[in-house]
């Protein structure tokens, strides 16, 4: 199973489905994948700031 672009900011751009229903359905898909031991790809991005000495 591959869920693409699950970031909160992006998920709010969906206009053809209620936000809460979309979140509920996404969580249900993940639970189903875990319970059936389906292969999962998880990606987490976070901003990293490097401080370079002057």
PDB file of N, CA and C in Angstrom:
ATOM      1  N   UNK A   1       0.840  -1.169   0.000  1.00  0.00           N
ATOM      2  CA  UNK A   1       0.000   0.000   0.000  1.00  0.00           C
ATOM      3  C   UNK A   1       0.885   1.232   0.000  1.00  0.00           C
ATOM      4  N   UNK A   2       0.515   2.205  -0.778  1.00  0.00           N
ATOM      5  CA  UNK A   2       1.273   3.445  -0.843  1.00  0.00           C
ATOM      6  C   UNK A   2       0.293   4.603  -0.741  1.00  0.00           C
ATOM      7  N   UNK A   3       0.428   5.397   0.301  1.00  0.00           N
ATOM      8  CA  UNK A   3      -0.370   6.608   0.460  1.00  0.00           C
ATOM      9  C   UNK A   3       0.534   7.785   0.147  1.00  0.00           C
ATOM     10  N   UNK A   4       0.127   8.579  -0.802  1.00  0.00           N
ATOM     11  CA  UNK A   4       0.986   9.652  -1.291  1.00  0.00           C
ATOM     12  C   UNK A   4       0.525  11.000  -0.739  1.00  0.00           C
ATOM     13  N   UNK A   5       1.498  11.799  -0.330  1.00  0.00           N
ATOM     14  CA  UNK A   5       1.280  13.177   0.114  1.00  0.00           C
ATOM     15  C   UNK A   5       0.214  13.273   1.194  1.00  0.00           C
ATOM     16  N   UNK A   6       0.523  12.688   2.324  1.00  0.00           N
ATOM     17  CA  UNK A   6      -0.404  12.639   3.442  1.00  0.00           C
ATOM     18  C   UNK A   6      -0.192  13.791   4.422  1.00  0.00           C
ATOM     19  N   UNK A   7       0.538  14.797   4.010  1.00  0.00           N
ATOM     20  CA  UNK A   7       0.830  15.917   4.899  1.00  0.00           C
ATOM     21  C   UNK A   7      -0.436  16.718   5.184  1.00  0.00           C
ATOM     22  N   UNK A   8      -0.527  17.251   6.381  1.00  0.00           N
ATOM     23  CA  UNK A   8      -1.726  17.967   6.792  1.00  0.00           C
ATOM     24  C   UNK A   8      -2.050  19.133   5.868  1.00  0.00           C
ATOM     25  N   UNK A   9      -1.064  19.883   5.466  1.00  0.00           N
ATOM     26  CA  UNK A   9      -1.310  21.020   4.586  1.00  0.00           C
ATOM     27  C   UNK A   9      -1.851  20.608   3.234  1.00  0.00           C
ATOM     28  N   UNK A  10      -1.369  19.505   2.709  1.00  0.00           N
ATOM     29  CA  UNK A  10      -1.805  19.027   1.405  1.00  0.00           C
ATOM     30  C   UNK A  10      -3.186  18.392   1.475  1.00  0.00           C
ATOM     31  N   UNK A  11      -3.444  17.662   2.530  1.00  0.00           N
ATOM     32  CA  UNK A  11      -4.724  16.966   2.655  1.00  0.00           C
ATOM     33  C   UNK A  11      -5.894  17.946   2.721  1.00  0.00           C
ATOM     34  N   UNK A  12      -5.636  19.144   3.212  1.00  0.00           N
ATOM     35  CA  UNK A  12      -6.695  20.147   3.295  1.00  0.00           C
ATOM     36  C   UNK A  12      -7.065  20.715   1.918  1.00  0.00           C
ATOM     37  N   UNK A  13      -6.263  20.426   0.902  1.00  0.00           N
ATOM     38  CA  UNK A  13      -6.561  20.909  -0.444  1.00  0.00           C
ATOM     39  C   UNK A  13      -7.655  20.091  -1.128  1.00  0.00           C
ATOM     40  N   UNK A  14      -7.963  18.903  -0.609  1.00  0.00           N
ATOM     41  CA  UNK A  14      -9.011  18.066  -1.200  1.00  0.00           C
ATOM     42  C   UNK A  14     -10.356  18.768  -1.033  1.00  0.00           C
ATOM     43  N   UNK A  15     -11.029  19.011  -2.130  1.00  0.00           N
ATOM     44  CA  UNK A  15     -12.300  19.744  -2.081  1.00  0.00           C
ATOM     45  C   UNK A  15     -13.505  18.850  -2.375  1.00  0.00           C
ATOM     46  N   UNK A  16     -13.277  17.631  -2.871  1.00  0.00           N
ATOM     47  CA  UNK A  16     -14.399  16.785  -3.261  1.00  0.00           C
ATOM     48  C   UNK A  16     -14.800  15.777  -2.181  1.00  0.00           C
ATOM     49  N   UNK A  17     -14.211  15.878  -0.979  1.00  0.00           N
ATOM     50  CA  UNK A  17     -14.543  14.992   0.123  1.00  0.00           C
ATOM     51  C   UNK A  17     -14.333  15.749   1.431  1.00  0.00           C
ATOM     52  N   UNK A  18     -15.183  15.493   2.383  1.00  0.00           N
ATOM     53  CA  UNK A  18     -15.070  16.128   3.692  1.00  0.00           C
ATOM     54  C   UNK A  18     -13.723  15.770   4.329  1.00  0.00           C
ATOM     55  N   UNK A  19     -13.074  16.747   4.948  1.00  0.00           N
ATOM     56  CA  UNK A  19     -11.752  16.548   5.552  1.00  0.00           C
ATOM     57  C   UNK A  19     -11.763  15.413   6.575  1.00  0.00           C
ATOM     58  N   UNK A  20     -12.723  15.423   7.494  1.00  0.00           N
ATOM     59  CA  UNK A  20     -12.783  14.386   8.529  1.00  0.00           C
ATOM     60  C   UNK A  20     -13.002  13.000   7.936  1.00  0.00           C
ATOM     61  N   UNK A  21     -13.817  12.899   6.892  1.00  0.00           N
ATOM     62  CA  UNK A  21     -14.052  11.611   6.235  1.00  0.00           C
ATOM     63  C   UNK A  21     -12.774  11.124   5.547  1.00  0.00           C
ATOM     64  N   UNK A  22     -12.046  12.034   4.922  1.00  0.00           N
ATOM     65  CA  UNK A  22     -10.791  11.673   4.275  1.00  0.00           C
ATOM     66  C   UNK A  22      -9.769  11.158   5.285  1.00  0.00           C
ATOM     67  N   UNK A  23      -9.646  11.838   6.413  1.00  0.00           N
ATOM     68  CA  UNK A  23      -8.725  11.398   7.466  1.00  0.00           C
ATOM     69  C   UNK A  23      -9.160  10.037   8.005  1.00  0.00           C
ATOM     70  N   UNK A  24     -10.460   9.876   8.250  1.00  0.00           N
ATOM     71  CA  UNK A  24     -10.990   8.599   8.747  1.00  0.00           C
ATOM     72  C   UNK A  24     -10.683   7.458   7.779  1.00  0.00           C
ATOM     73  N   UNK A  25     -10.937   7.685   6.489  1.00  0.00           N
ATOM     74  CA  UNK A  25     -10.688   6.649   5.474  1.00  0.00           C
ATOM     75  C   UNK A  25      -9.208   6.316   5.354  1.00  0.00           C
ATOM     76  N   UNK A  26      -8.359   7.328   5.439  1.00  0.00           N
ATOM     77  CA  UNK A  26      -6.915   7.101   5.363  1.00  0.00           C
ATOM     78  C   UNK A  26      -6.443   6.262   6.539  1.00  0.00           C
ATOM     79  N   UNK A  27      -6.913   6.592   7.731  1.00  0.00           N
ATOM     80  CA  UNK A  27      -6.541   5.818   8.915  1.00  0.00           C
ATOM     81  C   UNK A  27      -7.051   4.382   8.807  1.00  0.00           C
ATOM     82  N   UNK A  28      -8.243   4.202   8.256  1.00  0.00           N
ATOM     83  CA  UNK A  28      -8.797   2.859   8.078  1.00  0.00           C
ATOM     84  C   UNK A  28      -7.937   2.053   7.113  1.00  0.00           C
ATOM     85  N   UNK A  29      -7.459   2.682   6.053  1.00  0.00           N
ATOM     86  CA  UNK A  29      -6.577   1.992   5.099  1.00  0.00           C
ATOM     87  C   UNK A  29      -5.287   1.547   5.780  1.00  0.00           C
ATOM     88  N   UNK A  30      -4.719   2.401   6.599  1.00  0.00           N
ATOM     89  CA  UNK A  30      -3.474   2.067   7.297  1.00  0.00           C
ATOM     90  C   UNK A  30      -3.712   0.929   8.285  1.00  0.00           C
ATOM     91  N   UNK A  31      -4.809   0.995   9.040  1.00  0.00           N
ATOM     92  CA  UNK A  31      -5.116  -0.096   9.988  1.00  0.00           C
ATOM     93  C   UNK A  31      -5.281  -1.427   9.254  1.00  0.00           C
ATOM     94  N   UNK A  32      -5.976  -1.404   8.118  1.00  0.00           N
ATOM     95  CA  UNK A  32      -6.174  -2.618   7.329  1.00  0.00           C
ATOM     96  C   UNK A  32      -4.835  -3.165   6.845  1.00  0.00           C
ATOM     97  N   UNK A  33      -3.969  -2.287   6.378  1.00  0.00           N
ATOM     98  CA  UNK A  33      -2.654  -2.715   5.896  1.00  0.00           C
ATOM     99  C   UNK A  33      -1.839  -3.347   7.022  1.00  0.00           C
ATOM    100  N   UNK A  34      -1.870  -2.749   8.190  1.00  0.00           N
ATOM    101  CA  UNK A  34      -1.118  -3.275   9.331  1.00  0.00           C
ATOM    102  C   UNK A  34      -1.674  -4.633   9.753  1.00  0.00           C
ATOM    103  N   UNK A  35      -2.994  -4.729   9.860  1.00  0.00           N
ATOM    104  CA  UNK A  35      -3.622  -5.964  10.320  1.00  0.00           C
ATOM    105  C   UNK A  35      -3.424  -7.119   9.346  1.00  0.00           C
ATOM    106  N   UNK A  36      -3.306  -6.824   8.066  1.00  0.00           N
ATOM    107  CA  UNK A  36      -3.101  -7.880   7.069  1.00  0.00           C
ATOM    108  C   UNK A  36      -1.627  -8.062   6.725  1.00  0.00           C
ATOM    109  N   UNK A  37      -0.761  -7.364   7.441  1.00  0.00           N
ATOM    110  CA  UNK A  37       0.691  -7.433   7.249  1.00  0.00           C
ATOM    111  C   UNK A  37       1.101  -7.091   5.815  1.00  0.00           C
ATOM    112  N   UNK A  38       0.393  -6.127   5.245  1.00  0.00           N
ATOM    113  CA  UNK A  38       0.702  -5.642   3.907  1.00  0.00           C
ATOM    114  C   UNK A  38       1.965  -4.785   3.970  1.00  0.00           C
ATOM    115  N   UNK A  39       2.741  -4.814   2.926  1.00  0.00           N
ATOM    116  CA  UNK A  39       3.960  -3.996   2.875  1.00  0.00           C
ATOM    117  C   UNK A  39       3.578  -2.516   2.894  1.00  0.00           C
ATOM    118  N   UNK A  40       4.265  -1.760   3.738  1.00  0.00           N
ATOM    119  CA  UNK A  40       4.003  -0.333   3.866  1.00  0.00           C
ATOM    120  C   UNK A  40       5.258   0.458   3.566  1.00  0.00           C
ATOM    121  N   UNK A  41       5.080   1.598   2.952  1.00  0.00           N
ATOM    122  CA  UNK A  41       6.165   2.539   2.729  1.00  0.00           C
ATOM    123  C   UNK A  41       5.803   3.784   3.522  1.00  0.00           C
ATOM    124  N   UNK A  42       6.666   4.173   4.444  1.00  0.00           N
ATOM    125  CA  UNK A  42       6.398   5.340   5.287  1.00  0.00           C
ATOM    126  C   UNK A  42       7.504   6.349   5.073  1.00  0.00           C
ATOM    127  N   UNK A  43       7.111   7.576   4.839  1.00  0.00           N
ATOM    128  CA  UNK A  43       8.093   8.635   4.655  1.00  0.00           C
ATOM    129  C   UNK A  43       7.717   9.795   5.555  1.00  0.00           C
ATOM    130  N   UNK A  44       8.697  10.312   6.251  1.00  0.00           N
ATOM    131  CA  UNK A  44       8.473  11.451   7.131  1.00  0.00           C
ATOM    132  C   UNK A  44       9.523  12.503   6.809  1.00  0.00           C
ATOM    133  N   UNK A  45       9.059  13.664   6.496  1.00  0.00           N
ATOM    134  CA  UNK A  45       9.981  14.755   6.187  1.00  0.00           C
ATOM    135  C   UNK A  45       9.914  15.787   7.297  1.00  0.00           C
ATOM    136  N   UNK A  46      11.040  16.321   7.637  1.00  0.00           N
ATOM    137  CA  UNK A  46      11.058  17.432   8.577  1.00  0.00           C
ATOM    138  C   UNK A  46      12.137  18.402   8.136  1.00  0.00           C
ATOM    139  N   UNK A  47      11.919  19.625   8.440  1.00  0.00           N
ATOM    140  CA  UNK A  47      12.860  20.658   8.048  1.00  0.00           C
ATOM    141  C   UNK A  47      14.096  20.575   8.937  1.00  0.00           C
ATOM    142  N   UNK A  48      15.232  20.551   8.294  1.00  0.00           N
ATOM    143  CA  UNK A  48      16.509  20.521   9.016  1.00  0.00           C
ATOM    144  C   UNK A  48      17.236  21.817   8.701  1.00  0.00           C
ATOM    145  N   UNK A  49      17.664  22.508   9.720  1.00  0.00           N
ATOM    146  CA  UNK A  49      18.374  23.755   9.533  1.00  0.00           C
ATOM    147  C   UNK A  49      19.824  23.561   9.946  1.00  0.00           C
ATOM    148  N   UNK A  50      20.725  23.910   9.053  1.00  0.00           N
ATOM    149  CA  UNK A  50      22.147  23.800   9.343  1.00  0.00           C
ATOM    150  C   UNK A  50      22.678  25.190   9.669  1.00  0.00           C
ATOM    151  N   UNK A  51      23.423  25.279  10.726  1.00  0.00           N
ATOM    152  CA  UNK A  51      24.059  26.551  11.095  1.00  0.00           C
ATOM    153  C   UNK A  51      25.529  26.464  10.734  1.00  0.00           C
ATOM    154  N   UNK A  52      25.913  27.339   9.840  1.00  0.00           N
ATOM    155  CA  UNK A  52      27.308  27.364   9.375  1.00  0.00           C
ATOM    156  C   UNK A  52      28.023  28.524  10.033  1.00  0.00           C
ATOM    157  N   UNK A  53      29.165  28.250  10.669  1.00  0.00           N
ATOM    158  CA  UNK A  53      29.908  29.343  11.298  1.00  0.00           C
ATOM    159  C   UNK A  53      30.407  30.338  10.252  1.00  0.00           C
ATOM    160  N   UNK A  54      30.363  31.638  10.590  1.00  0.00           N
ATOM    161  CA  UNK A  54      30.817  32.694   9.663  1.00  0.00           C
ATOM    162  C   UNK A  54      32.306  32.829   9.670  1.00  0.00           C
TER     163      UNK A  54
END
